[in-house]
């Protein structure tokens, strides 16, 4: 049974930050699992994603779903792309960087729209 916890706005933003870190960790483990053939990263994928979705269920009780999902997926995408460039030595192109910039603009726009 899910506890009847409704975070304050400040708590919800901190929880969202934790959710983003968990989602990024799960996505990195997805790469480390080598096509789901290594059991340790596979186990971590499940743990990180379950925790991420579970905690996110509390965050959406306080913050708007559109903002939560945009920030969660947008920040996660940008951070995961940066990890891919830096850690996994994936190629960086102008188109990729411009696309990441558009994601950031979109997330900021949704957040600004939620405040008005």
N, C-alpha and C. Protein backbone atom coordinates (compact mmCIF):
# COMPACT_ATOMS: atom_id res chain seq x y z
N UNK A 1 0.84 -1.18 0.00
CA UNK A 1 0.00 0.00 0.00
C UNK A 1 0.88 1.24 0.00
N UNK A 2 0.52 2.22 -0.79
CA UNK A 2 1.29 3.45 -0.90
C UNK A 2 0.90 4.39 0.24
N UNK A 3 1.90 4.89 0.96
CA UNK A 3 1.60 5.83 2.05
C UNK A 3 0.89 7.07 1.53
N UNK A 4 0.15 7.70 2.42
CA UNK A 4 -0.59 8.91 2.06
C UNK A 4 0.28 10.13 2.28
N UNK A 5 1.40 10.18 1.58
CA UNK A 5 2.37 11.27 1.71
C UNK A 5 2.19 12.24 0.56
N UNK A 6 1.97 13.50 0.90
CA UNK A 6 1.88 14.55 -0.10
C UNK A 6 2.97 15.56 0.22
N UNK A 7 4.03 15.59 -0.62
CA UNK A 7 5.15 16.48 -0.30
C UNK A 7 4.79 17.94 -0.50
N UNK A 8 5.49 18.81 0.24
CA UNK A 8 5.37 20.24 0.00
C UNK A 8 6.00 20.54 -1.36
N UNK A 9 5.84 21.75 -1.84
CA UNK A 9 6.43 22.11 -3.13
C UNK A 9 7.95 21.96 -3.09
N UNK A 10 8.56 22.44 -2.02
CA UNK A 10 10.01 22.32 -1.88
C UNK A 10 10.45 20.85 -1.85
N UNK A 11 9.75 20.05 -1.06
CA UNK A 11 10.07 18.62 -0.99
C UNK A 11 9.89 17.95 -2.35
N UNK A 12 8.85 18.34 -3.06
CA UNK A 12 8.58 17.73 -4.36
C UNK A 12 9.71 18.01 -5.35
N UNK A 13 10.26 19.22 -5.32
CA UNK A 13 11.38 19.53 -6.23
C UNK A 13 12.62 18.74 -5.85
N UNK A 14 12.88 18.58 -4.56
CA UNK A 14 14.02 17.76 -4.14
C UNK A 14 13.82 16.30 -4.52
N UNK A 15 12.61 15.81 -4.33
CA UNK A 15 12.32 14.44 -4.74
C UNK A 15 12.45 14.26 -6.24
N UNK A 16 12.02 15.27 -6.99
CA UNK A 16 12.16 15.20 -8.45
C UNK A 16 13.63 15.13 -8.84
N UNK A 17 14.48 15.87 -8.14
CA UNK A 17 15.92 15.80 -8.41
C UNK A 17 16.45 14.38 -8.15
N UNK A 18 15.98 13.76 -7.07
CA UNK A 18 16.39 12.39 -6.76
C UNK A 18 15.89 11.42 -7.83
N UNK A 19 14.66 11.63 -8.27
CA UNK A 19 14.07 10.79 -9.31
C UNK A 19 14.89 10.88 -10.60
N UNK A 20 15.32 12.07 -10.94
CA UNK A 20 16.12 12.27 -12.15
C UNK A 20 17.45 11.52 -12.04
N UNK A 21 18.10 11.62 -10.88
CA UNK A 21 19.37 10.91 -10.68
C UNK A 21 19.15 9.40 -10.81
N UNK A 22 18.08 8.89 -10.22
CA UNK A 22 17.79 7.45 -10.32
C UNK A 22 17.52 7.03 -11.77
N UNK A 23 16.79 7.85 -12.50
CA UNK A 23 16.49 7.53 -13.90
C UNK A 23 17.76 7.55 -14.74
N UNK A 24 18.63 8.50 -14.50
CA UNK A 24 19.90 8.55 -15.23
C UNK A 24 20.74 7.33 -14.90
N UNK A 25 20.80 6.97 -13.63
CA UNK A 25 21.57 5.78 -13.23
C UNK A 25 21.02 4.53 -13.90
N UNK A 26 19.70 4.41 -13.96
CA UNK A 26 19.09 3.26 -14.63
C UNK A 26 19.42 3.22 -16.11
N UNK A 27 19.40 4.38 -16.74
CA UNK A 27 19.70 4.44 -18.17
C UNK A 27 21.16 4.12 -18.44
N UNK A 28 22.07 4.59 -17.60
CA UNK A 28 23.48 4.25 -17.76
C UNK A 28 23.68 2.74 -17.58
N UNK A 29 22.98 2.17 -16.61
CA UNK A 29 23.07 0.71 -16.41
C UNK A 29 22.52 -0.04 -17.62
N UNK A 30 21.55 0.55 -18.30
CA UNK A 30 21.03 -0.07 -19.52
C UNK A 30 22.15 -0.23 -20.54
N UNK A 31 22.97 0.80 -20.67
CA UNK A 31 24.12 0.72 -21.58
C UNK A 31 25.14 -0.30 -21.07
N UNK A 32 25.38 -0.31 -19.77
CA UNK A 32 26.36 -1.22 -19.18
C UNK A 32 25.92 -2.68 -19.21
N UNK A 33 24.62 -2.91 -19.40
CA UNK A 33 24.11 -4.29 -19.42
C UNK A 33 24.44 -5.03 -20.71
N UNK A 34 24.95 -4.28 -21.70
CA UNK A 34 25.33 -4.87 -22.99
C UNK A 34 24.18 -5.68 -23.59
N UNK A 35 23.06 -4.98 -23.80
CA UNK A 35 21.89 -5.64 -24.40
C UNK A 35 21.17 -6.58 -23.45
N UNK A 36 21.18 -6.23 -22.18
CA UNK A 36 20.53 -7.02 -21.11
C UNK A 36 21.15 -8.41 -20.96
N UNK A 37 22.45 -8.53 -21.25
CA UNK A 37 23.14 -9.83 -21.13
C UNK A 37 23.96 -9.94 -19.85
N UNK A 38 24.13 -8.84 -19.13
CA UNK A 38 24.87 -8.87 -17.86
C UNK A 38 23.89 -8.66 -16.72
N UNK A 39 23.88 -9.58 -15.76
CA UNK A 39 22.83 -9.56 -14.74
C UNK A 39 22.99 -8.44 -13.71
N UNK A 40 24.21 -8.03 -13.38
CA UNK A 40 24.37 -6.98 -12.37
C UNK A 40 23.76 -5.66 -12.83
N UNK A 41 24.13 -5.16 -14.01
CA UNK A 41 23.48 -3.92 -14.46
C UNK A 41 21.98 -4.09 -14.68
N UNK A 42 21.57 -5.28 -15.11
CA UNK A 42 20.14 -5.54 -15.32
C UNK A 42 19.38 -5.39 -14.00
N UNK A 43 19.93 -5.94 -12.94
CA UNK A 43 19.30 -5.82 -11.62
C UNK A 43 19.23 -4.35 -11.19
N UNK A 44 20.31 -3.61 -11.43
CA UNK A 44 20.32 -2.20 -11.07
C UNK A 44 19.32 -1.39 -11.90
N UNK A 45 19.14 -1.75 -13.16
CA UNK A 45 18.13 -1.08 -13.99
C UNK A 45 16.77 -1.18 -13.31
N UNK A 46 16.41 -2.38 -12.91
CA UNK A 46 15.11 -2.61 -12.29
C UNK A 46 14.99 -1.81 -10.99
N UNK A 47 16.03 -1.87 -10.15
CA UNK A 47 15.99 -1.15 -8.87
C UNK A 47 15.86 0.36 -9.09
N UNK A 48 16.72 0.91 -9.96
CA UNK A 48 16.69 2.36 -10.18
C UNK A 48 15.38 2.82 -10.79
N UNK A 49 14.85 2.10 -11.77
CA UNK A 49 13.61 2.52 -12.40
C UNK A 49 12.40 2.36 -11.48
N UNK A 50 12.36 1.29 -10.70
CA UNK A 50 11.25 1.11 -9.77
C UNK A 50 11.26 2.23 -8.73
N UNK A 51 12.45 2.54 -8.18
CA UNK A 51 12.54 3.65 -7.22
C UNK A 51 12.16 4.97 -7.88
N UNK A 52 12.63 5.18 -9.10
CA UNK A 52 12.34 6.43 -9.80
C UNK A 52 10.84 6.61 -10.00
N UNK A 53 10.18 5.58 -10.52
CA UNK A 53 8.74 5.69 -10.74
C UNK A 53 7.97 5.78 -9.42
N UNK A 54 8.43 5.02 -8.42
CA UNK A 54 7.74 5.04 -7.14
C UNK A 54 7.79 6.40 -6.48
N UNK A 55 8.97 7.00 -6.44
CA UNK A 55 9.11 8.33 -5.84
C UNK A 55 8.37 9.37 -6.68
N UNK A 56 8.43 9.20 -7.99
CA UNK A 56 7.73 10.14 -8.86
C UNK A 56 6.22 10.15 -8.61
N UNK A 57 5.69 9.04 -8.16
CA UNK A 57 4.25 8.99 -7.87
C UNK A 57 3.88 9.97 -6.75
N UNK A 58 4.83 10.27 -5.87
CA UNK A 58 4.58 11.27 -4.82
C UNK A 58 4.75 12.69 -5.38
N UNK A 59 5.74 12.85 -6.25
CA UNK A 59 6.02 14.18 -6.81
C UNK A 59 4.81 14.70 -7.58
N UNK A 60 4.17 13.85 -8.39
CA UNK A 60 3.04 14.32 -9.20
C UNK A 60 1.81 14.64 -8.36
N UNK A 61 1.84 14.28 -7.10
CA UNK A 61 0.74 14.68 -6.21
C UNK A 61 0.79 16.18 -5.90
N UNK A 62 1.98 16.76 -6.03
CA UNK A 62 2.17 18.17 -5.68
C UNK A 62 2.39 19.05 -6.89
N UNK A 63 3.27 18.62 -7.79
CA UNK A 63 3.59 19.42 -8.97
C UNK A 63 2.76 18.94 -10.15
N UNK A 64 2.52 19.78 -11.11
CA UNK A 64 1.73 19.41 -12.27
C UNK A 64 2.40 18.31 -13.08
N UNK A 65 1.61 17.40 -13.59
CA UNK A 65 2.14 16.28 -14.36
C UNK A 65 2.96 16.73 -15.57
N UNK A 66 2.47 17.75 -16.27
CA UNK A 66 3.20 18.20 -17.46
C UNK A 66 4.58 18.73 -17.10
N UNK A 67 4.68 19.47 -16.01
CA UNK A 67 5.97 20.00 -15.58
C UNK A 67 6.87 18.87 -15.08
N UNK A 68 6.33 17.99 -14.26
CA UNK A 68 7.12 16.88 -13.72
C UNK A 68 7.69 16.03 -14.86
N UNK A 69 6.85 15.66 -15.78
CA UNK A 69 7.33 14.79 -16.85
C UNK A 69 8.32 15.51 -17.76
N UNK A 70 8.07 16.78 -18.05
CA UNK A 70 8.99 17.54 -18.90
C UNK A 70 10.35 17.69 -18.23
N UNK A 71 10.36 18.05 -16.97
CA UNK A 71 11.63 18.22 -16.27
C UNK A 71 12.33 16.88 -16.12
N UNK A 72 11.59 15.87 -15.71
CA UNK A 72 12.16 14.53 -15.51
C UNK A 72 12.78 13.99 -16.79
N UNK A 73 12.01 14.01 -17.85
CA UNK A 73 12.54 13.46 -19.10
C UNK A 73 13.55 14.39 -19.76
N UNK A 74 13.32 15.69 -19.69
CA UNK A 74 14.23 16.64 -20.32
C UNK A 74 15.60 16.68 -19.66
N UNK A 75 15.62 16.85 -18.35
CA UNK A 75 16.90 16.88 -17.63
C UNK A 75 17.58 15.53 -17.74
N UNK A 76 16.80 14.46 -17.63
CA UNK A 76 17.37 13.12 -17.78
C UNK A 76 17.98 12.91 -19.15
N UNK A 77 17.31 13.39 -20.18
CA UNK A 77 17.82 13.25 -21.54
C UNK A 77 19.11 14.03 -21.73
N UNK A 78 19.13 15.27 -21.28
CA UNK A 78 20.32 16.11 -21.43
C UNK A 78 21.49 15.52 -20.65
N UNK A 79 21.25 15.12 -19.41
CA UNK A 79 22.33 14.56 -18.59
C UNK A 79 22.82 13.23 -19.16
N UNK A 80 21.90 12.40 -19.63
CA UNK A 80 22.30 11.12 -20.21
C UNK A 80 23.10 11.32 -21.49
N UNK A 81 22.70 12.30 -22.29
CA UNK A 81 23.47 12.60 -23.51
C UNK A 81 24.88 13.06 -23.13
N UNK A 82 24.99 13.91 -22.11
CA UNK A 82 26.30 14.38 -21.67
C UNK A 82 27.16 13.22 -21.18
N UNK A 83 26.57 12.30 -20.44
CA UNK A 83 27.30 11.11 -19.99
C UNK A 83 27.73 10.27 -21.18
N UNK A 84 26.85 10.14 -22.16
CA UNK A 84 27.21 9.40 -23.37
C UNK A 84 28.39 10.03 -24.08
N UNK A 85 28.40 11.35 -24.17
CA UNK A 85 29.52 12.05 -24.83
C UNK A 85 30.82 11.87 -24.04
N UNK A 86 30.71 12.07 -22.72
CA UNK A 86 31.90 12.12 -21.88
C UNK A 86 32.42 10.72 -21.54
N UNK A 87 31.53 9.85 -21.01
CA UNK A 87 31.97 8.57 -20.48
C UNK A 87 32.08 7.50 -21.57
N UNK A 88 31.08 7.45 -22.44
CA UNK A 88 31.06 6.41 -23.47
C UNK A 88 31.68 6.86 -24.79
N UNK A 89 32.19 8.07 -24.81
CA UNK A 89 32.90 8.61 -25.98
C UNK A 89 32.05 8.58 -27.25
N UNK A 90 30.74 8.86 -27.10
CA UNK A 90 29.86 8.94 -28.26
C UNK A 90 30.15 10.23 -29.01
N UNK A 91 29.97 10.24 -30.32
CA UNK A 91 30.32 11.45 -31.08
C UNK A 91 29.40 12.63 -30.75
N UNK A 92 30.01 13.80 -30.66
CA UNK A 92 29.28 15.06 -30.42
C UNK A 92 29.21 15.79 -31.75
N UNK A 93 27.99 16.13 -32.16
CA UNK A 93 27.82 16.89 -33.40
C UNK A 93 27.06 18.17 -33.12
N UNK A 94 27.13 19.09 -34.04
CA UNK A 94 26.40 20.36 -33.89
C UNK A 94 24.90 20.09 -33.81
N UNK A 95 24.41 19.17 -34.60
CA UNK A 95 22.97 18.86 -34.58
C UNK A 95 22.56 18.30 -33.22
N UNK A 96 23.38 17.43 -32.64
CA UNK A 96 23.06 16.89 -31.31
C UNK A 96 23.04 18.00 -30.27
N UNK A 97 24.03 18.89 -30.31
CA UNK A 97 24.08 19.97 -29.35
C UNK A 97 22.91 20.94 -29.52
N UNK A 98 22.55 21.23 -30.75
CA UNK A 98 21.39 22.10 -31.01
C UNK A 98 20.11 21.45 -30.51
N UNK A 99 19.98 20.15 -30.71
CA UNK A 99 18.79 19.43 -30.26
C UNK A 99 18.70 19.42 -28.74
N UNK A 100 19.83 19.25 -28.07
CA UNK A 100 19.85 19.32 -26.61
C UNK A 100 19.42 20.72 -26.16
N UNK A 101 19.90 21.74 -26.86
CA UNK A 101 19.49 23.11 -26.55
C UNK A 101 17.99 23.30 -26.67
N UNK A 102 17.38 22.71 -27.68
CA UNK A 102 15.93 22.80 -27.85
C UNK A 102 15.18 22.09 -26.71
N UNK A 103 15.74 20.98 -26.25
CA UNK A 103 15.12 20.29 -25.11
C UNK A 103 15.13 21.20 -23.89
N UNK A 104 16.26 21.84 -23.64
CA UNK A 104 16.37 22.74 -22.49
C UNK A 104 15.37 23.89 -22.62
N UNK A 105 15.26 24.48 -23.80
CA UNK A 105 14.30 25.56 -24.03
C UNK A 105 12.88 25.07 -23.77
N UNK A 106 12.55 23.88 -24.22
CA UNK A 106 11.22 23.33 -24.01
C UNK A 106 10.89 23.11 -22.55
N UNK A 107 11.84 22.57 -21.79
CA UNK A 107 11.62 22.33 -20.36
C UNK A 107 11.45 23.66 -19.63
N UNK A 108 12.31 24.62 -19.93
CA UNK A 108 12.20 25.95 -19.29
C UNK A 108 10.85 26.58 -19.64
N UNK A 109 10.43 26.44 -20.89
CA UNK A 109 9.15 27.01 -21.30
C UNK A 109 7.97 26.38 -20.58
N UNK A 110 7.98 25.07 -20.44
CA UNK A 110 6.89 24.41 -19.70
C UNK A 110 6.88 24.82 -18.23
N UNK A 111 8.06 24.92 -17.65
CA UNK A 111 8.15 25.33 -16.26
C UNK A 111 7.65 26.76 -16.09
N UNK A 112 8.05 27.65 -17.00
CA UNK A 112 7.59 29.04 -16.92
C UNK A 112 6.07 29.13 -17.14
N UNK A 113 5.56 28.33 -18.03
CA UNK A 113 4.12 28.32 -18.29
C UNK A 113 3.32 27.82 -17.10
N UNK A 114 3.90 26.92 -16.32
CA UNK A 114 3.20 26.38 -15.15
C UNK A 114 3.11 27.40 -14.04
N UNK A 115 4.05 28.35 -14.01
CA UNK A 115 4.07 29.35 -12.95
C UNK A 115 3.08 30.48 -13.21
N UNK A 116 2.67 30.64 -14.47
CA UNK A 116 1.77 31.76 -14.78
C UNK A 116 0.32 31.38 -14.60
